[in-house]
Amino acid sequence: MTLKLVKPEAKESAEVHLHFSYSQLSTYLIPTIWDIPEKVDSVIVEVPDPNGPWGARGVGELPFLPTAAAISAAVHDATGVWFDEFPLTPERVLRGLGKI
């Protein structure tokens, strides 16, 4: 996902179909700081991932999860227009503002 934030030409390699087991967002339990264990054991996996480039495994994507929402909210605060497609290219922003 993070690659799509900065490279317009980045494409998804597969379609994702999600099924939610809850009917309302109010019943969805969101993890909090109290759900984090006191001790986390790291495990080094030395087997290459067949899906990753050169066998690499993803490790640092979690801090980027709120990035798209934060950027979208900042642009909304600045322009008053919500954007729901990334990356936010100049053309998309100008189109959203009605300038194109």
PDB file of N, CA and C in Angstrom:
ATOM      1  N   MET A   1       0.804  -1.181   0.000  1.00  0.00           N
ATOM      2  CA  MET A   1       0.000   0.000   0.000  1.00  0.00           C
ATOM      3  C   MET A   1       0.850   1.249   0.000  1.00  0.00           C
ATOM      4  N   THR A   2       1.929   1.270   0.749  1.00  0.00           N
ATOM      5  CA  THR A   2       2.720   2.492   0.853  1.00  0.00           C
ATOM      6  C   THR A   2       3.331   2.889  -0.477  1.00  0.00           C
ATOM      7  N   LEU A   3       3.622   1.939  -1.340  1.00  0.00           N
ATOM      8  CA  LEU A   3       4.177   2.263  -2.642  1.00  0.00           C
ATOM      9  C   LEU A   3       3.177   3.052  -3.474  1.00  0.00           C
ATOM     10  N   LYS A   4       1.902   2.738  -3.336  1.00  0.00           N
ATOM     11  CA  LYS A   4       0.875   3.444  -4.094  1.00  0.00           C
ATOM     12  C   LYS A   4       0.722   4.892  -3.638  1.00  0.00           C
ATOM     13  N   LEU A   5       1.173   5.206  -2.423  1.00  0.00           N
ATOM     14  CA  LEU A   5       1.065   6.575  -1.946  1.00  0.00           C
ATOM     15  C   LEU A   5       2.007   7.509  -2.689  1.00  0.00           C
ATOM     16  N   VAL A   6       3.126   6.979  -3.166  1.00  0.00           N
ATOM     17  CA  VAL A   6       4.127   7.836  -3.779  1.00  0.00           C
ATOM     18  C   VAL A   6       4.337   7.587  -5.265  1.00  0.00           C
ATOM     19  N   LYS A   7       3.908   6.430  -5.773  1.00  0.00           N
ATOM     20  CA  LYS A   7       4.116   6.110  -7.180  1.00  0.00           C
ATOM     21  C   LYS A   7       2.782   5.853  -7.863  1.00  0.00           C
ATOM     22  N   PRO A   8       2.324   6.801  -8.679  1.00  0.00           N
ATOM     23  CA  PRO A   8       1.032   6.615  -9.332  1.00  0.00           C
ATOM     24  C   PRO A   8       0.965   5.373 -10.200  1.00  0.00           C
ATOM     25  N   GLU A   9       2.096   4.944 -10.726  1.00  0.00           N
ATOM     26  CA  GLU A   9       2.077   3.798 -11.628  1.00  0.00           C
ATOM     27  C   GLU A   9       2.066   2.460 -10.894  1.00  0.00           C
ATOM     28  N   ALA A  10       2.169   2.476  -9.578  1.00  0.00           N
ATOM     29  CA  ALA A  10       2.156   1.227  -8.809  1.00  0.00           C
ATOM     30  C   ALA A  10       0.773   0.596  -8.898  1.00  0.00           C
ATOM     31  N   LYS A  11       0.730  -0.678  -9.149  1.00  0.00           N
ATOM     32  CA  LYS A  11      -0.538  -1.395  -9.301  1.00  0.00           C
ATOM     33  C   LYS A  11      -0.629  -2.494  -8.257  1.00  0.00           C
ATOM     34  N   GLU A  12      -1.834  -2.828  -7.873  1.00  0.00           N
ATOM     35  CA  GLU A  12      -2.045  -3.969  -6.981  1.00  0.00           C
ATOM     36  C   GLU A  12      -1.806  -5.241  -7.781  1.00  0.00           C
ATOM     37  N   SER A  13      -1.163  -6.211  -7.166  1.00  0.00           N
ATOM     38  CA  SER A  13      -0.872  -7.448  -7.887  1.00  0.00           C
ATOM     39  C   SER A  13      -2.041  -8.423  -7.856  1.00  0.00           C
ATOM     40  N   ALA A  14      -2.950  -8.246  -6.916  1.00  0.00           N
ATOM     41  CA  ALA A  14      -4.090  -9.161  -6.827  1.00  0.00           C
ATOM     42  C   ALA A  14      -5.264  -8.420  -6.209  1.00  0.00           C
ATOM     43  N   GLU A  15      -6.460  -8.865  -6.549  1.00  0.00           N
ATOM     44  CA  GLU A  15      -7.641  -8.275  -5.947  1.00  0.00           C
ATOM     45  C   GLU A  15      -7.783  -8.800  -4.522  1.00  0.00           C
ATOM     46  N   VAL A  16      -8.302  -7.955  -3.654  1.00  0.00           N
ATOM     47  CA  VAL A  16      -8.502  -8.335  -2.267  1.00  0.00           C
ATOM     48  C   VAL A  16      -9.998  -8.329  -1.990  1.00  0.00           C
ATOM     49  N   HIS A  17     -10.497  -9.443  -1.470  1.00  0.00           N
ATOM     50  CA  HIS A  17     -11.905  -9.543  -1.105  1.00  0.00           C
ATOM     51  C   HIS A  17     -11.977  -9.708   0.405  1.00  0.00           C
ATOM     52  N   LEU A  18     -12.627  -8.758   1.062  1.00  0.00           N
ATOM     53  CA  LEU A  18     -12.712  -8.788   2.515  1.00  0.00           C
ATOM     54  C   LEU A  18     -14.110  -9.198   2.956  1.00  0.00           C
ATOM     55  N   HIS A  19     -14.164  -9.943   4.028  1.00  0.00           N
ATOM     56  CA  HIS A  19     -15.443 -10.309   4.635  1.00  0.00           C
ATOM     57  C   HIS A  19     -15.353  -9.919   6.107  1.00  0.00           C
ATOM     58  N   PHE A  20     -16.289  -9.108   6.556  1.00  0.00           N
ATOM     59  CA  PHE A  20     -16.288  -8.679   7.943  1.00  0.00           C
ATOM     60  C   PHE A  20     -17.291  -9.512   8.730  1.00  0.00           C
ATOM     61  N   SER A  21     -16.896  -9.944   9.913  1.00  0.00           N
ATOM     62  CA  SER A  21     -17.761 -10.804  10.708  1.00  0.00           C
ATOM     63  C   SER A  21     -18.620 -10.009  11.685  1.00  0.00           C
ATOM     64  N   TYR A  22     -18.624  -8.700  11.596  1.00  0.00           N
ATOM     65  CA  TYR A  22     -19.463  -7.873  12.447  1.00  0.00           C
ATOM     66  C   TYR A  22     -20.385  -7.042  11.554  1.00  0.00           C
ATOM     67  N   SER A  23     -21.550  -6.731  12.071  1.00  0.00           N
ATOM     68  CA  SER A  23     -22.522  -6.017  11.247  1.00  0.00           C
ATOM     69  C   SER A  23     -22.489  -4.509  11.472  1.00  0.00           C
ATOM     70  N   GLN A  24     -21.932  -4.066  12.597  1.00  0.00           N
ATOM     71  CA  GLN A  24     -21.870  -2.643  12.881  1.00  0.00           C
ATOM     72  C   GLN A  24     -20.495  -2.285  13.410  1.00  0.00           C
ATOM     73  N   LEU A  25     -20.042  -1.097  13.060  1.00  0.00           N
ATOM     74  CA  LEU A  25     -18.727  -0.657  13.526  1.00  0.00           C
ATOM     75  C   LEU A  25     -18.708  -0.498  15.044  1.00  0.00           C
ATOM     76  N   SER A  26     -19.847  -0.189  15.638  1.00  0.00           N
ATOM     77  CA  SER A  26     -19.901   0.007  17.088  1.00  0.00           C
ATOM     78  C   SER A  26     -19.624  -1.284  17.863  1.00  0.00           C
ATOM     79  N   THR A  27     -19.787  -2.439  17.229  1.00  0.00           N
ATOM     80  CA  THR A  27     -19.522  -3.712  17.908  1.00  0.00           C
ATOM     81  C   THR A  27     -18.116  -4.244  17.612  1.00  0.00           C
ATOM     82  N   TYR A  28     -17.369  -3.541  16.763  1.00  0.00           N
ATOM     83  CA  TYR A  28     -16.008  -3.973  16.416  1.00  0.00           C
ATOM     84  C   TYR A  28     -15.051  -3.552  17.521  1.00  0.00           C
ATOM     85  N   LEU A  29     -14.320  -4.490  18.059  1.00  0.00           N
ATOM     86  CA  LEU A  29     -13.381  -4.190  19.132  1.00  0.00           C
ATOM     87  C   LEU A  29     -12.030  -3.784  18.553  1.00  0.00           C
ATOM     88  N   ILE A  30     -11.622  -2.577  18.840  1.00  0.00           N
ATOM     89  CA  ILE A  30     -10.349  -2.051  18.344  1.00  0.00           C
ATOM     90  C   ILE A  30      -9.285  -2.286  19.403  1.00  0.00           C
ATOM     91  N   PRO A  31      -8.145  -2.869  19.048  1.00  0.00           N
ATOM     92  CA  PRO A  31      -7.080  -3.085  20.033  1.00  0.00           C
ATOM     93  C   PRO A  31      -6.580  -1.757  20.604  1.00  0.00           C
ATOM     94  N   THR A  32      -6.237  -1.773  21.868  1.00  0.00           N
ATOM     95  CA  THR A  32      -5.717  -0.582  22.536  1.00  0.00           C
ATOM     96  C   THR A  32      -4.337  -0.886  23.106  1.00  0.00           C
ATOM     97  N   ILE A  33      -3.769   0.081  23.771  1.00  0.00           N
ATOM     98  CA  ILE A  33      -2.452  -0.097  24.386  1.00  0.00           C
ATOM     99  C   ILE A  33      -2.472  -1.229  25.414  1.00  0.00           C
ATOM    100  N   TRP A  34      -3.634  -1.477  26.014  1.00  0.00           N
ATOM    101  CA  TRP A  34      -3.744  -2.524  27.035  1.00  0.00           C
ATOM    102  C   TRP A  34      -3.721  -3.921  26.425  1.00  0.00           C
ATOM    103  N   ASP A  35      -3.854  -4.025  25.121  1.00  0.00           N
ATOM    104  CA  ASP A  35      -3.824  -5.326  24.459  1.00  0.00           C
ATOM    105  C   ASP A  35      -2.418  -5.751  24.038  1.00  0.00           C
ATOM    106  N   ILE A  36      -1.445  -4.886  24.230  1.00  0.00           N
ATOM    107  CA  ILE A  36      -0.062  -5.207  23.861  1.00  0.00           C
ATOM    108  C   ILE A  36       0.580  -5.999  24.993  1.00  0.00           C
ATOM    109  N   PRO A  37       1.213  -7.122  24.680  1.00  0.00           N
ATOM    110  CA  PRO A  37       1.857  -7.900  25.748  1.00  0.00           C
ATOM    111  C   PRO A  37       3.039  -7.147  26.357  1.00  0.00           C
ATOM    112  N   GLU A  38       3.340  -7.459  27.611  1.00  0.00           N
ATOM    113  CA  GLU A  38       4.460  -6.798  28.287  1.00  0.00           C
ATOM    114  C   GLU A  38       5.788  -7.172  27.642  1.00  0.00           C
ATOM    115  N   LYS A  39       5.880  -8.393  27.129  1.00  0.00           N
ATOM    116  CA  LYS A  39       7.119  -8.848  26.513  1.00  0.00           C
ATOM    117  C   LYS A  39       6.802  -9.416  25.133  1.00  0.00           C
ATOM    118  N   VAL A  40       7.581  -9.023  24.155  1.00  0.00           N
ATOM    119  CA  VAL A  40       7.412  -9.523  22.793  1.00  0.00           C
ATOM    120  C   VAL A  40       8.689 -10.265  22.411  1.00  0.00           C
ATOM    121  N   ASP A  41       8.546 -11.508  22.027  1.00  0.00           N
ATOM    122  CA  ASP A  41       9.697 -12.295  21.605  1.00  0.00           C
ATOM    123  C   ASP A  41       9.861 -12.175  20.092  1.00  0.00           C
ATOM    124  N   SER A  42      11.033 -11.778  19.650  1.00  0.00           N
ATOM    125  CA  SER A  42      11.316 -11.688  18.222  1.00  0.00           C
ATOM    126  C   SER A  42      11.794 -13.036  17.710  1.00  0.00           C
ATOM    127  N   VAL A  43      11.352 -13.384  16.529  1.00  0.00           N
ATOM    128  CA  VAL A  43      11.751 -14.639  15.914  1.00  0.00           C
ATOM    129  C   VAL A  43      12.390 -14.315  14.568  1.00  0.00           C
ATOM    130  N   ILE A  44      13.593 -14.765  14.362  1.00  0.00           N
ATOM    131  CA  ILE A  44      14.280 -14.545  13.097  1.00  0.00           C
ATOM    132  C   ILE A  44      13.936 -15.691  12.163  1.00  0.00           C
ATOM    133  N   VAL A  45      13.373 -15.358  11.029  1.00  0.00           N
ATOM    134  CA  VAL A  45      12.977 -16.357  10.043  1.00  0.00           C
ATOM    135  C   VAL A  45      13.974 -16.277   8.895  1.00  0.00           C
ATOM    136  N   GLU A  46      14.723 -17.334   8.688  1.00  0.00           N
ATOM    137  CA  GLU A  46      15.760 -17.323   7.658  1.00  0.00           C
ATOM    138  C   GLU A  46      15.352 -18.068   6.398  1.00  0.00           C
ATOM    139  N   VAL A  47      14.047 -18.267   6.230  1.00  0.00           N
ATOM    140  CA  VAL A  47      13.532 -18.902   5.024  1.00  0.00           C
ATOM    141  C   VAL A  47      12.986 -17.797   4.127  1.00  0.00           C
ATOM    142  N   PRO A  48      13.430 -17.717   2.876  1.00  0.00           N
ATOM    143  CA  PRO A  48      12.939 -16.644   2.004  1.00  0.00           C
ATOM    144  C   PRO A  48      11.436 -16.747   1.756  1.00  0.00           C
ATOM    145  N   ASP A  49      10.798 -15.592   1.668  1.00  0.00           N
ATOM    146  CA  ASP A  49       9.372 -15.529   1.353  1.00  0.00           C
ATOM    147  C   ASP A  49       9.222 -15.620  -0.160  1.00  0.00           C
ATOM    148  N   PRO A  50       8.498 -16.603  -0.675  1.00  0.00           N
ATOM    149  CA  PRO A  50       8.374 -16.750  -2.130  1.00  0.00           C
ATOM    150  C   PRO A  50       7.610 -15.594  -2.782  1.00  0.00           C
ATOM    151  N   ASN A  51       6.847 -14.840  -1.990  1.00  0.00           N
ATOM    152  CA  ASN A  51       6.079 -13.729  -2.549  1.00  0.00           C
ATOM    153  C   ASN A  51       6.813 -12.395  -2.500  1.00  0.00           C
ATOM    154  N   GLY A  52       7.850 -12.298  -1.703  1.00  0.00           N
ATOM    155  CA  GLY A  52       8.571 -11.041  -1.570  1.00  0.00           C
ATOM    156  C   GLY A  52       9.680 -10.905  -2.587  1.00  0.00           C
ATOM    157  N   PRO A  53      10.065  -9.666  -2.902  1.00  0.00           N
ATOM    158  CA  PRO A  53      11.173  -9.472  -3.843  1.00  0.00           C
ATOM    159  C   PRO A  53      12.473 -10.006  -3.239  1.00  0.00           C
ATOM    160  N   TRP A  54      13.164 -10.833  -3.974  1.00  0.00           N
ATOM    161  CA  TRP A  54      14.411 -11.461  -3.541  1.00  0.00           C
ATOM    162  C   TRP A  54      14.237 -12.198  -2.224  1.00  0.00           C
ATOM    163  N   GLY A  55      13.007 -12.671  -1.942  1.00  0.00           N
ATOM    164  CA  GLY A  55      12.749 -13.426  -0.719  1.00  0.00           C
ATOM    165  C   GLY A  55      12.530 -12.573   0.513  1.00  0.00           C
ATOM    166  N   ALA A  56      12.422 -11.269   0.346  1.00  0.00           N
ATOM    167  CA  ALA A  56      12.281 -10.373   1.499  1.00  0.00           C
ATOM    168  C   ALA A  56      10.909 -10.512   2.146  1.00  0.00           C
ATOM    169  N   ARG A  57      10.879 -10.266   3.434  1.00  0.00           N
ATOM    170  CA  ARG A  57       9.628 -10.259   4.191  1.00  0.00           C
ATOM    171  C   ARG A  57       9.376  -8.837   4.688  1.00  0.00           C
ATOM    172  N   GLY A  58       8.113  -8.427   4.707  1.00  0.00           N
ATOM    173  CA  GLY A  58       7.770  -7.089   5.175  1.00  0.00           C
ATOM    174  C   GLY A  58       7.857  -6.974   6.679  1.00  0.00           C
ATOM    175  N   VAL A  59       8.433  -5.877   7.154  1.00  0.00           N
ATOM    176  CA  VAL A  59       8.535  -5.661   8.585  1.00  0.00           C
ATOM    177  C   VAL A  59       8.087  -4.258   8.978  1.00  0.00           C
ATOM    178  N   GLY A  60       8.315  -3.295   8.138  1.00  0.00           N
ATOM    179  CA  GLY A  60       8.101  -1.916   8.546  1.00  0.00           C
ATOM    180  C   GLY A  60       6.860  -1.255   8.005  1.00  0.00           C
ATOM    181  N   GLU A  61       5.868  -2.003   7.559  1.00  0.00           N
ATOM    182  CA  GLU A  61       4.699  -1.385   6.963  1.00  0.00           C
ATOM    183  C   GLU A  61       3.722  -0.825   7.993  1.00  0.00           C
ATOM    184  N   LEU A  62       3.658  -1.401   9.185  1.00  0.00           N
ATOM    185  CA  LEU A  62       2.659  -0.982  10.163  1.00  0.00           C
ATOM    186  C   LEU A  62       2.690   0.511  10.498  1.00  0.00           C
ATOM    187  N   PRO A  63       3.842   1.142  10.657  1.00  0.00           N
ATOM    188  CA  PRO A  63       3.805   2.582  10.947  1.00  0.00           C
ATOM    189  C   PRO A  63       3.204   3.409   9.817  1.00  0.00           C
ATOM    190  N   PHE A  64       3.111   2.861   8.612  1.00  0.00           N
ATOM    191  CA  PHE A  64       2.578   3.616   7.487  1.00  0.00           C
ATOM    192  C   PHE A  64       1.072   3.459   7.316  1.00  0.00           C
ATOM    193  N   LEU A  65       0.428   2.625   8.120  1.00  0.00           N
ATOM    194  CA  LEU A  65      -1.013   2.407   7.969  1.00  0.00           C
ATOM    195  C   LEU A  65      -1.833   3.695   8.088  1.00  0.00           C
ATOM    196  N   PRO A  66      -1.553   4.583   9.035  1.00  0.00           N
ATOM    197  CA  PRO A  66      -2.367   5.793   9.127  1.00  0.00           C
ATOM    198  C   PRO A  66      -1.941   6.903   8.170  1.00  0.00           C
ATOM    199  N   THR A  67      -0.914   6.677   7.378  1.00  0.00           N
ATOM    200  CA  THR A  67      -0.387   7.740   6.523  1.00  0.00           C
ATOM    201  C   THR A  67      -1.407   8.244   5.510  1.00  0.00           C
ATOM    202  N   ALA A  68      -2.068   7.346   4.805  1.00  0.00           N
ATOM    203  CA  ALA A  68      -3.031   7.766   3.788  1.00  0.00           C
ATOM    204  C   ALA A  68      -4.159   8.567   4.402  1.00  0.00           C
ATOM    205  N   ALA A  69      -4.676   8.124   5.534  1.00  0.00           N
ATOM    206  CA  ALA A  69      -5.761   8.854   6.191  1.00  0.00           C
ATOM    207  C   ALA A  69      -5.299  10.220   6.676  1.00  0.00           C
ATOM    208  N   ALA A  70      -4.077  10.300   7.201  1.00  0.00           N
ATOM    209  CA  ALA A  70      -3.556  11.576   7.680  1.00  0.00           C
ATOM    210  C   ALA A  70      -3.357  12.557   6.529  1.00  0.00           C
ATOM    211  N   ILE A  71      -2.831  12.072   5.405  1.00  0.00           N
ATOM    212  CA  ILE A  71      -2.635  12.941   4.247  1.00  0.00           C
ATOM    213  C   ILE A  71      -3.979  13.412   3.718  1.00  0.00           C
ATOM    214  N   SER A  72      -4.926  12.503   3.604  1.00  0.00           N
ATOM    215  CA  SER A  72      -6.251  12.854   3.105  1.00  0.00           C
ATOM    216  C   SER A  72      -6.925  13.876   4.020  1.00  0.00           C
ATOM    217  N   ALA A  73      -6.828  13.687   5.326  1.00  0.00           N
ATOM    218  CA  ALA A  73      -7.423  14.635   6.276  1.00  0.00           C
ATOM    219  C   ALA A  73      -6.752  16.002   6.193  1.00  0.00           C
ATOM    220  N   ALA A  74      -5.428  16.022   6.016  1.00  0.00           N
ATOM    221  CA  ALA A  74      -4.714  17.298   5.902  1.00  0.00           C
ATOM    222  C   ALA A  74      -5.124  18.049   4.638  1.00  0.00           C
ATOM    223  N   VAL A  75      -5.243  17.333   3.535  1.00  0.00           N
ATOM    224  CA  VAL A  75      -5.672  17.971   2.283  1.00  0.00           C
ATOM    225  C   VAL A  75      -7.115  18.443   2.405  1.00  0.00           C
ATOM    226  N   HIS A  76      -7.947  17.657   3.091  1.00  0.00           N
ATOM    227  CA  HIS A  76      -9.334  18.087   3.319  1.00  0.00           C
ATOM    228  C   HIS A  76      -9.378  19.359   4.158  1.00  0.00           C
ATOM    229  N   ASP A  77      -8.560  19.416   5.210  1.00  0.00           N
ATOM    230  CA  ASP A  77      -8.520  20.624   6.043  1.00  0.00           C
ATOM    231  C   ASP A  77      -8.087  21.840   5.235  1.00  0.00           C
ATOM    232  N   ALA A  78      -7.172  21.629   4.291  1.00  0.00           N
ATOM    233  CA  ALA A  78      -6.667  22.741   3.486  1.00  0.00           C
ATOM    234  C   ALA A  78      -7.612  23.144   2.365  1.00  0.00           C
ATOM    235  N   THR A  79      -8.352  22.185   1.804  1.00  0.00           N
ATOM    236  CA  THR A  79      -9.154  22.474   0.610  1.00  0.00           C
ATOM    237  C   THR A  79     -10.656  22.359   0.825  1.00  0.00           C
ATOM    238  N   GLY A  80     -11.071  21.618   1.849  1.00  0.00           N
ATOM    239  CA  GLY A  80     -12.494  21.379   2.063  1.00  0.00           C
ATOM    240  C   GLY A  80     -13.046  20.266   1.188  1.00  0.00           C
ATOM    241  N   VAL A  81     -12.183  19.559   0.474  1.00  0.00           N
ATOM    242  CA  VAL A  81     -12.595  18.488  -0.432  1.00  0.00           C
ATOM    243  C   VAL A  81     -12.005  17.171   0.059  1.00  0.00           C
ATOM    244  N   TRP A  82     -12.852  16.123   0.136  1.00  0.00           N
ATOM    245  CA  TRP A  82     -12.370  14.793   0.503  1.00  0.00           C
ATOM    246  C   TRP A  82     -11.898  14.057  -0.747  1.00  0.00           C
ATOM    247  N   PHE A  83     -10.768  13.394  -0.652  1.00  0.00           N
ATOM    248  CA  PHE A  83     -10.233  12.574  -1.737  1.00  0.00           C
ATOM    249  C   PHE A  83     -10.174  11.142  -1.237  1.00  0.00           C
ATOM    250  N   ASP A  84     -10.632  10.203  -2.055  1.00  0.00           N
ATOM    251  CA  ASP A  84     -10.644   8.804  -1.638  1.00  0.00           C
ATOM    252  C   ASP A  84      -9.828   7.917  -2.556  1.00  0.00           C
ATOM    253  N   GLU A  85      -8.946   8.513  -3.323  1.00  0.00           N
ATOM    254  CA  GLU A  85      -8.102   7.738  -4.232  1.00  0.00           C
ATOM    255  C   GLU A  85      -6.664   8.237  -4.116  1.00  0.00           C
ATOM    256  N   PHE A  86      -5.749   7.307  -3.993  1.00  0.00           N
ATOM    257  CA  PHE A  86      -4.337   7.654  -3.884  1.00  0.00           C
ATOM    258  C   PHE A  86      -3.572   7.143  -5.075  1.00  0.00           C
ATOM    259  N   PRO A  87      -2.440   7.725  -5.377  1.00  0.00           N
ATOM    260  CA  PRO A  87      -1.816   8.869  -4.724  1.00  0.00           C
ATOM    261  C   PRO A  87      -2.524  10.159  -5.099  1.00  0.00           C
ATOM    262  N   LEU A  88      -2.365  11.169  -4.261  1.00  0.00           N
ATOM    263  CA  LEU A  88      -2.955  12.478  -4.532  1.00  0.00           C
ATOM    264  C   LEU A  88      -2.039  13.233  -5.490  1.00  0.00           C
ATOM    265  N   THR A  89      -2.257  13.024  -6.749  1.00  0.00           N
ATOM    266  CA  THR A  89      -1.456  13.724  -7.761  1.00  0.00           C
ATOM    267  C   THR A  89      -2.010  15.135  -7.920  1.00  0.00           C
ATOM    268  N   PRO A  90      -1.221  16.056  -8.444  1.00  0.00           N
ATOM    269  CA  PRO A  90      -1.718  17.410  -8.685  1.00  0.00           C
ATOM    270  C   PRO A  90      -2.981  17.413  -9.549  1.00  0.00           C
ATOM    271  N   GLU A  91      -3.036  16.535 -10.539  1.00  0.00           N
ATOM    272  CA  GLU A  91      -4.206  16.478 -11.406  1.00  0.00           C
ATOM    273  C   GLU A  91      -5.465  16.091 -10.622  1.00  0.00           C
ATOM    274  N   ARG A  92      -5.350  15.107  -9.728  1.00  0.00           N
ATOM    275  CA  ARG A  92      -6.513  14.679  -8.949  1.00  0.00           C
ATOM    276  C   ARG A  92      -6.981  15.782  -8.007  1.00  0.00           C
ATOM    277  N   VAL A  93      -6.030  16.470  -7.391  1.00  0.00           N
ATOM    278  CA  VAL A  93      -6.411  17.550  -6.476  1.00  0.00           C
ATOM    279  C   VAL A  93      -7.081  18.684  -7.258  1.00  0.00           C
ATOM    280  N   LEU A  94      -6.493  19.077  -8.380  1.00  0.00           N
ATOM    281  CA  LEU A  94      -7.090  20.139  -9.184  1.00  0.00           C
ATOM    282  C   LEU A  94      -8.466  19.731  -9.710  1.00  0.00           C
ATOM    283  N   ARG A  95      -8.615  18.467 -10.089  1.00  0.00           N
ATOM    284  CA  ARG A  95      -9.922  17.983 -10.550  1.00  0.00           C
ATOM    285  C   ARG A  95     -10.938  18.033  -9.403  1.00  0.00           C
ATOM    286  N   GLY A  96     -10.501  17.646  -8.202  1.00  0.00           N
ATOM    287  CA  GLY A  96     -11.384  17.707  -7.042  1.00  0.00           C
ATOM    288  C   GLY A  96     -11.791  19.130  -6.684  1.00  0.00           C
ATOM    289  N   LEU A  97     -10.905  20.077  -6.961  1.00  0.00           N
ATOM    290  CA  LEU A  97     -11.204  21.482  -6.687  1.00  0.00           C
ATOM    291  C   LEU A  97     -12.009  22.121  -7.802  1.00  0.00           C
ATOM    292  N   GLY A  98     -12.223  21.374  -8.895  1.00  0.00           N
ATOM    293  CA  GLY A  98     -12.985  21.914 -10.012  1.00  0.00           C
ATOM    294  C   GLY A  98     -12.172  22.836 -10.910  1.00  0.00           C
ATOM    295  N   LYS A  99     -10.863  22.770 -10.830  1.00  0.00           N
ATOM    296  CA  LYS A  99      -9.999  23.613 -11.647  1.00  0.00           C
ATOM    297  C   LYS A  99      -9.666  22.978 -12.996  1.00  0.00           C
ATOM    298  N   ILE A 100      -9.953  21.684 -13.119  1.00  0.00           N
ATOM    299  CA  ILE A 100      -9.711  20.995 -14.404  1.00  0.00           C
ATOM    300  C   ILE A 100     -11.029  20.461 -14.912  1.00  0.00           C
TER     301      ILE A 100
END
